[in-house]
Amino acid sequence: MDVFAPYEQAPQREARSQRQGALLDRRLRAAVDTLMDGPDGRCLLRWLIQVCQCFQALVPSGDGDSPEVHRLVFAEGRRFVGMRLLRLLQEADPGHLPRLLQTKEDDHGI
């Protein structure tokens, strides 16, 4: 057994991980493009952004052990997902986000 084999295999694993990451990014951008093609897909994306509370501010009150602080931490995790979705929309096509925010075409009160 070659004692240097693990060190030689590390760059190969890293290159494979980068290729898989790039493939995943392309697939996610293609999925966003597909969702943006129809009114139902745009409605779903709007709902996700609203549920993730990307554009809402929350302020904790009380001490560090209060349940409200834990809710704030949970909300920040949810907001992170929403911000990642917004970034994905922007990466897929810079025109997606402005189009999505114009709700006049298919706004259902969401």
N, C-alpha and C. Protein backbone atom coordinates (compact mmCIF):
# COMPACT_ATOMS: atom_id res chain seq x y z
N MET A 1 0.84 -1.18 0.00
CA MET A 1 0.00 0.00 0.00
C MET A 1 0.89 1.24 0.00
N ASP A 2 0.56 2.16 -0.83
CA ASP A 2 1.30 3.41 -0.95
C ASP A 2 0.90 4.34 0.20
N VAL A 3 1.87 4.76 1.01
CA VAL A 3 1.57 5.61 2.15
C VAL A 3 1.15 7.02 1.73
N PHE A 4 1.47 7.41 0.49
CA PHE A 4 1.11 8.74 0.02
C PHE A 4 -0.22 8.76 -0.72
N ALA A 5 -0.84 7.60 -0.87
CA ALA A 5 -2.10 7.52 -1.63
C ALA A 5 -3.18 8.45 -1.09
N PRO A 6 -3.41 8.51 0.23
CA PRO A 6 -4.46 9.42 0.71
C PRO A 6 -4.20 10.89 0.34
N TYR A 7 -2.93 11.28 0.35
CA TYR A 7 -2.60 12.67 0.01
C TYR A 7 -2.77 12.94 -1.48
N GLU A 8 -2.52 11.93 -2.30
CA GLU A 8 -2.68 12.09 -3.74
C GLU A 8 -4.16 12.06 -4.14
N GLN A 9 -4.98 11.39 -3.35
CA GLN A 9 -6.40 11.27 -3.67
C GLN A 9 -7.19 12.50 -3.23
N ALA A 10 -6.66 13.27 -2.30
CA ALA A 10 -7.39 14.44 -1.80
C ALA A 10 -7.73 15.44 -2.91
N PRO A 11 -6.78 15.81 -3.79
CA PRO A 11 -7.15 16.74 -4.88
C PRO A 11 -8.21 16.16 -5.82
N GLN A 12 -8.18 14.85 -6.03
CA GLN A 12 -9.19 14.22 -6.89
C GLN A 12 -10.57 14.31 -6.25
N ARG A 13 -10.65 14.07 -4.95
CA ARG A 13 -11.93 14.18 -4.25
C ARG A 13 -12.44 15.61 -4.27
N GLU A 14 -11.52 16.56 -4.09
CA GLU A 14 -11.93 17.96 -4.11
C GLU A 14 -12.43 18.37 -5.49
N ALA A 15 -11.75 17.93 -6.54
CA ALA A 15 -12.20 18.25 -7.90
C ALA A 15 -13.56 17.63 -8.18
N ARG A 16 -13.77 16.39 -7.71
CA ARG A 16 -15.07 15.73 -7.89
C ARG A 16 -16.16 16.48 -7.14
N SER A 17 -15.87 16.94 -5.94
CA SER A 17 -16.85 17.71 -5.16
C SER A 17 -17.19 19.02 -5.85
N GLN A 18 -16.19 19.68 -6.42
CA GLN A 18 -16.44 20.93 -7.14
C GLN A 18 -17.29 20.70 -8.37
N ARG A 19 -17.04 19.61 -9.10
CA ARG A 19 -17.86 19.29 -10.28
C ARG A 19 -19.29 19.00 -9.87
N GLN A 20 -19.48 18.25 -8.79
CA GLN A 20 -20.82 17.94 -8.32
C GLN A 20 -21.54 19.20 -7.84
N GLY A 21 -20.81 20.10 -7.18
CA GLY A 21 -21.40 21.36 -6.74
C GLY A 21 -21.83 22.23 -7.91
N ALA A 22 -20.99 22.28 -8.95
CA ALA A 22 -21.34 23.06 -10.14
C ALA A 22 -22.56 22.47 -10.84
N LEU A 23 -22.63 21.14 -10.90
CA LEU A 23 -23.79 20.48 -11.50
C LEU A 23 -25.06 20.79 -10.71
N LEU A 24 -24.97 20.75 -9.40
CA LEU A 24 -26.12 21.06 -8.55
C LEU A 24 -26.58 22.50 -8.76
N ASP A 25 -25.63 23.43 -8.83
CA ASP A 25 -25.99 24.83 -9.08
C ASP A 25 -26.71 24.99 -10.41
N ARG A 26 -26.22 24.33 -11.46
CA ARG A 26 -26.88 24.41 -12.77
C ARG A 26 -28.29 23.85 -12.70
N ARG A 27 -28.45 22.73 -11.99
CA ARG A 27 -29.78 22.12 -11.88
C ARG A 27 -30.74 23.02 -11.11
N LEU A 28 -30.26 23.64 -10.03
CA LEU A 28 -31.12 24.54 -9.26
C LEU A 28 -31.51 25.77 -10.07
N ARG A 29 -30.57 26.33 -10.83
CA ARG A 29 -30.91 27.48 -11.68
C ARG A 29 -31.92 27.09 -12.75
N ALA A 30 -31.76 25.88 -13.31
CA ALA A 30 -32.73 25.41 -14.31
C ALA A 30 -34.10 25.22 -13.68
N ALA A 31 -34.15 24.73 -12.44
CA ALA A 31 -35.43 24.55 -11.75
C ALA A 31 -36.10 25.90 -11.50
N VAL A 32 -35.33 26.90 -11.12
CA VAL A 32 -35.88 28.24 -10.91
C VAL A 32 -36.41 28.80 -12.23
N ASP A 33 -35.65 28.60 -13.31
CA ASP A 33 -36.11 29.06 -14.63
C ASP A 33 -37.44 28.41 -14.98
N THR A 34 -37.57 27.12 -14.71
CA THR A 34 -38.81 26.40 -15.01
C THR A 34 -39.97 26.95 -14.17
N LEU A 35 -39.72 27.20 -12.89
CA LEU A 35 -40.77 27.75 -12.02
C LEU A 35 -41.19 29.15 -12.48
N MET A 36 -40.25 29.93 -12.95
CA MET A 36 -40.56 31.29 -13.39
C MET A 36 -41.34 31.31 -14.70
N ASP A 37 -41.36 30.21 -15.43
CA ASP A 37 -42.05 30.16 -16.72
C ASP A 37 -43.57 30.20 -16.58
N GLY A 38 -44.11 29.78 -15.45
CA GLY A 38 -45.57 29.71 -15.31
C GLY A 38 -46.06 30.48 -14.10
N PRO A 39 -47.32 30.89 -14.13
CA PRO A 39 -47.88 31.64 -13.00
C PRO A 39 -47.91 30.84 -11.70
N ASP A 40 -48.14 29.53 -11.79
CA ASP A 40 -48.16 28.71 -10.57
C ASP A 40 -46.77 28.64 -9.94
N GLY A 41 -45.75 28.51 -10.76
CA GLY A 41 -44.38 28.49 -10.25
C GLY A 41 -44.00 29.80 -9.59
N ARG A 42 -44.39 30.91 -10.21
CA ARG A 42 -44.09 32.22 -9.62
C ARG A 42 -44.86 32.41 -8.32
N CYS A 43 -46.08 31.90 -8.26
CA CYS A 43 -46.87 31.97 -7.03
C CYS A 43 -46.18 31.19 -5.92
N LEU A 44 -45.66 30.01 -6.24
CA LEU A 44 -44.94 29.20 -5.26
C LEU A 44 -43.70 29.94 -4.76
N LEU A 45 -42.94 30.53 -5.66
CA LEU A 45 -41.74 31.26 -5.25
C LEU A 45 -42.08 32.45 -4.38
N ARG A 46 -43.14 33.18 -4.71
CA ARG A 46 -43.58 34.30 -3.88
C ARG A 46 -43.97 33.82 -2.48
N TRP A 47 -44.69 32.71 -2.44
CA TRP A 47 -45.12 32.16 -1.15
C TRP A 47 -43.91 31.77 -0.31
N LEU A 48 -42.92 31.11 -0.93
CA LEU A 48 -41.72 30.72 -0.19
C LEU A 48 -40.99 31.93 0.38
N ILE A 49 -40.87 32.97 -0.44
CA ILE A 49 -40.19 34.18 0.03
C ILE A 49 -40.96 34.82 1.18
N GLN A 50 -42.29 34.80 1.09
CA GLN A 50 -43.10 35.38 2.17
C GLN A 50 -43.00 34.55 3.44
N VAL A 51 -43.05 33.23 3.32
CA VAL A 51 -42.97 32.36 4.49
C VAL A 51 -41.60 32.48 5.17
N CYS A 52 -40.56 32.69 4.37
CA CYS A 52 -39.21 32.83 4.93
C CYS A 52 -38.97 34.19 5.58
N GLN A 53 -39.92 35.10 5.45
CA GLN A 53 -39.85 36.42 6.08
C GLN A 53 -38.57 37.18 5.75
N CYS A 54 -38.19 37.16 4.47
CA CYS A 54 -36.96 37.82 4.04
C CYS A 54 -36.99 39.32 4.25
N PHE A 55 -38.15 39.92 4.15
CA PHE A 55 -38.25 41.37 4.20
C PHE A 55 -38.91 41.86 5.49
N GLN A 56 -38.80 41.07 6.56
CA GLN A 56 -39.37 41.46 7.85
C GLN A 56 -38.25 41.55 8.88
N ALA A 57 -38.35 42.51 9.76
CA ALA A 57 -37.36 42.68 10.82
C ALA A 57 -37.95 42.19 12.14
N LEU A 58 -37.17 41.46 12.88
CA LEU A 58 -37.58 41.00 14.21
C LEU A 58 -36.56 41.49 15.22
N VAL A 59 -37.03 41.91 16.37
CA VAL A 59 -36.15 42.42 17.41
C VAL A 59 -36.43 41.63 18.68
N PRO A 60 -35.39 41.07 19.29
CA PRO A 60 -35.61 40.33 20.54
C PRO A 60 -35.86 41.28 21.70
N SER A 61 -36.62 40.82 22.65
CA SER A 61 -36.82 41.59 23.87
C SER A 61 -36.53 40.68 25.05
N GLY A 62 -36.09 41.23 26.11
CA GLY A 62 -35.81 40.43 27.29
C GLY A 62 -34.36 39.99 27.33
N ASP A 63 -34.09 39.04 28.22
CA ASP A 63 -32.72 38.57 28.38
C ASP A 63 -32.38 37.48 27.36
N GLY A 64 -31.18 36.99 27.41
CA GLY A 64 -30.71 36.01 26.45
C GLY A 64 -31.34 34.64 26.58
N ASP A 65 -32.03 34.36 27.67
CA ASP A 65 -32.63 33.05 27.87
C ASP A 65 -34.13 33.03 27.58
N SER A 66 -34.67 34.12 27.12
CA SER A 66 -36.12 34.16 26.90
C SER A 66 -36.48 33.36 25.65
N PRO A 67 -37.70 32.81 25.61
CA PRO A 67 -38.13 32.05 24.44
C PRO A 67 -38.15 32.90 23.17
N GLU A 68 -38.33 34.20 23.32
CA GLU A 68 -38.37 35.07 22.14
C GLU A 68 -37.02 35.08 21.41
N VAL A 69 -35.94 34.99 22.16
CA VAL A 69 -34.62 34.94 21.53
C VAL A 69 -34.49 33.67 20.71
N HIS A 70 -35.02 32.57 21.20
CA HIS A 70 -34.96 31.32 20.45
C HIS A 70 -35.80 31.40 19.19
N ARG A 71 -36.93 32.07 19.27
CA ARG A 71 -37.75 32.28 18.06
C ARG A 71 -37.00 33.13 17.05
N LEU A 72 -36.26 34.11 17.54
CA LEU A 72 -35.48 34.97 16.65
C LEU A 72 -34.39 34.16 15.93
N VAL A 73 -33.73 33.28 16.66
CA VAL A 73 -32.71 32.43 16.05
C VAL A 73 -33.34 31.53 15.00
N PHE A 74 -34.49 30.96 15.30
CA PHE A 74 -35.20 30.12 14.33
C PHE A 74 -35.58 30.94 13.10
N ALA A 75 -36.07 32.16 13.32
CA ALA A 75 -36.47 33.02 12.20
C ALA A 75 -35.27 33.37 11.33
N GLU A 76 -34.11 33.54 11.93
CA GLU A 76 -32.91 33.83 11.15
C GLU A 76 -32.53 32.65 10.27
N GLY A 77 -32.72 31.43 10.76
CA GLY A 77 -32.49 30.26 9.92
C GLY A 77 -33.45 30.21 8.75
N ARG A 78 -34.70 30.52 9.01
CA ARG A 78 -35.70 30.56 7.95
C ARG A 78 -35.36 31.66 6.96
N ARG A 79 -34.94 32.80 7.46
CA ARG A 79 -34.57 33.92 6.59
C ARG A 79 -33.35 33.56 5.74
N PHE A 80 -32.43 32.79 6.28
CA PHE A 80 -31.26 32.36 5.51
C PHE A 80 -31.69 31.56 4.29
N VAL A 81 -32.66 30.66 4.48
CA VAL A 81 -33.17 29.88 3.35
C VAL A 81 -33.80 30.80 2.31
N GLY A 82 -34.58 31.76 2.76
CA GLY A 82 -35.19 32.71 1.84
C GLY A 82 -34.17 33.54 1.09
N MET A 83 -33.13 33.97 1.78
CA MET A 83 -32.09 34.76 1.12
C MET A 83 -31.33 33.91 0.11
N ARG A 84 -31.14 32.65 0.42
CA ARG A 84 -30.49 31.75 -0.55
C ARG A 84 -31.37 31.60 -1.79
N LEU A 85 -32.68 31.53 -1.59
CA LEU A 85 -33.61 31.46 -2.72
C LEU A 85 -33.53 32.74 -3.55
N LEU A 86 -33.47 33.90 -2.90
CA LEU A 86 -33.34 35.16 -3.62
C LEU A 86 -32.04 35.21 -4.42
N ARG A 87 -30.95 34.72 -3.82
CA ARG A 87 -29.68 34.70 -4.53
C ARG A 87 -29.74 33.76 -5.72
N LEU A 88 -30.39 32.62 -5.55
CA LEU A 88 -30.54 31.66 -6.64
C LEU A 88 -31.35 32.27 -7.79
N LEU A 89 -32.40 32.99 -7.46
CA LEU A 89 -33.19 33.68 -8.49
C LEU A 89 -32.32 34.67 -9.26
N GLN A 90 -31.51 35.41 -8.53
CA GLN A 90 -30.65 36.42 -9.16
C GLN A 90 -29.58 35.76 -10.03
N GLU A 91 -29.01 34.65 -9.56
CA GLU A 91 -27.98 33.96 -10.33
C GLU A 91 -28.54 33.32 -11.59
N ALA A 92 -29.76 32.80 -11.49
CA ALA A 92 -30.37 32.14 -12.65
C ALA A 92 -30.63 33.14 -13.76
N ASP A 93 -31.17 34.30 -13.40
CA ASP A 93 -31.46 35.35 -14.38
C ASP A 93 -31.71 36.63 -13.60
N PRO A 94 -30.93 37.68 -13.83
CA PRO A 94 -31.13 38.91 -13.08
C PRO A 94 -32.52 39.52 -13.25
N GLY A 95 -33.25 39.13 -14.28
CA GLY A 95 -34.60 39.65 -14.48
C GLY A 95 -35.67 38.91 -13.71
N HIS A 96 -35.32 37.76 -13.11
CA HIS A 96 -36.32 36.98 -12.39
C HIS A 96 -36.88 37.72 -11.17
N LEU A 97 -36.01 38.28 -10.36
CA LEU A 97 -36.48 38.89 -9.11
C LEU A 97 -37.39 40.09 -9.35
N PRO A 98 -37.02 41.04 -10.22
CA PRO A 98 -37.98 42.13 -10.47
C PRO A 98 -39.31 41.62 -11.03
N ARG A 99 -39.25 40.62 -11.88
CA ARG A 99 -40.49 40.06 -12.44
C ARG A 99 -41.32 39.39 -11.35
N LEU A 100 -40.66 38.72 -10.44
CA LEU A 100 -41.36 38.04 -9.35
C LEU A 100 -42.02 39.03 -8.40
N LEU A 101 -41.38 40.16 -8.18
CA LEU A 101 -41.92 41.15 -7.25
C LEU A 101 -43.05 41.97 -7.85
N GLN A 102 -43.24 41.90 -9.16
CA GLN A 102 -44.38 42.56 -9.80
C GLN A 102 -45.55 41.59 -9.74
N THR A 103 -46.39 41.75 -8.74
CA THR A 103 -47.44 40.77 -8.49
C THR A 103 -48.71 41.03 -9.28
N LYS A 104 -48.72 42.02 -10.15
CA LYS A 104 -49.96 42.37 -10.84
C LYS A 104 -50.50 41.26 -11.74
N GLU A 105 -49.62 40.39 -12.26
CA GLU A 105 -50.10 39.38 -13.19
C GLU A 105 -50.84 38.23 -12.53
N ASP A 106 -50.38 37.79 -11.37
CA ASP A 106 -51.01 36.62 -10.76
C ASP A 106 -50.98 36.68 -9.24
N ASP A 107 -51.28 37.82 -8.69
CA ASP A 107 -51.31 37.96 -7.24
C ASP A 107 -52.63 37.40 -6.72
N HIS A 108 -52.51 36.46 -5.80
CA HIS A 108 -53.70 35.83 -5.22
C HIS A 108 -53.83 36.18 -3.75
N GLY A 109 -53.30 37.33 -3.39
CA GLY A 109 -53.41 37.77 -2.01
C GLY A 109 -52.43 37.12 -1.08
N ILE A 110 -51.37 36.56 -1.64
CA ILE A 110 -50.38 35.89 -0.79
C ILE A 110 -49.37 36.91 -0.31
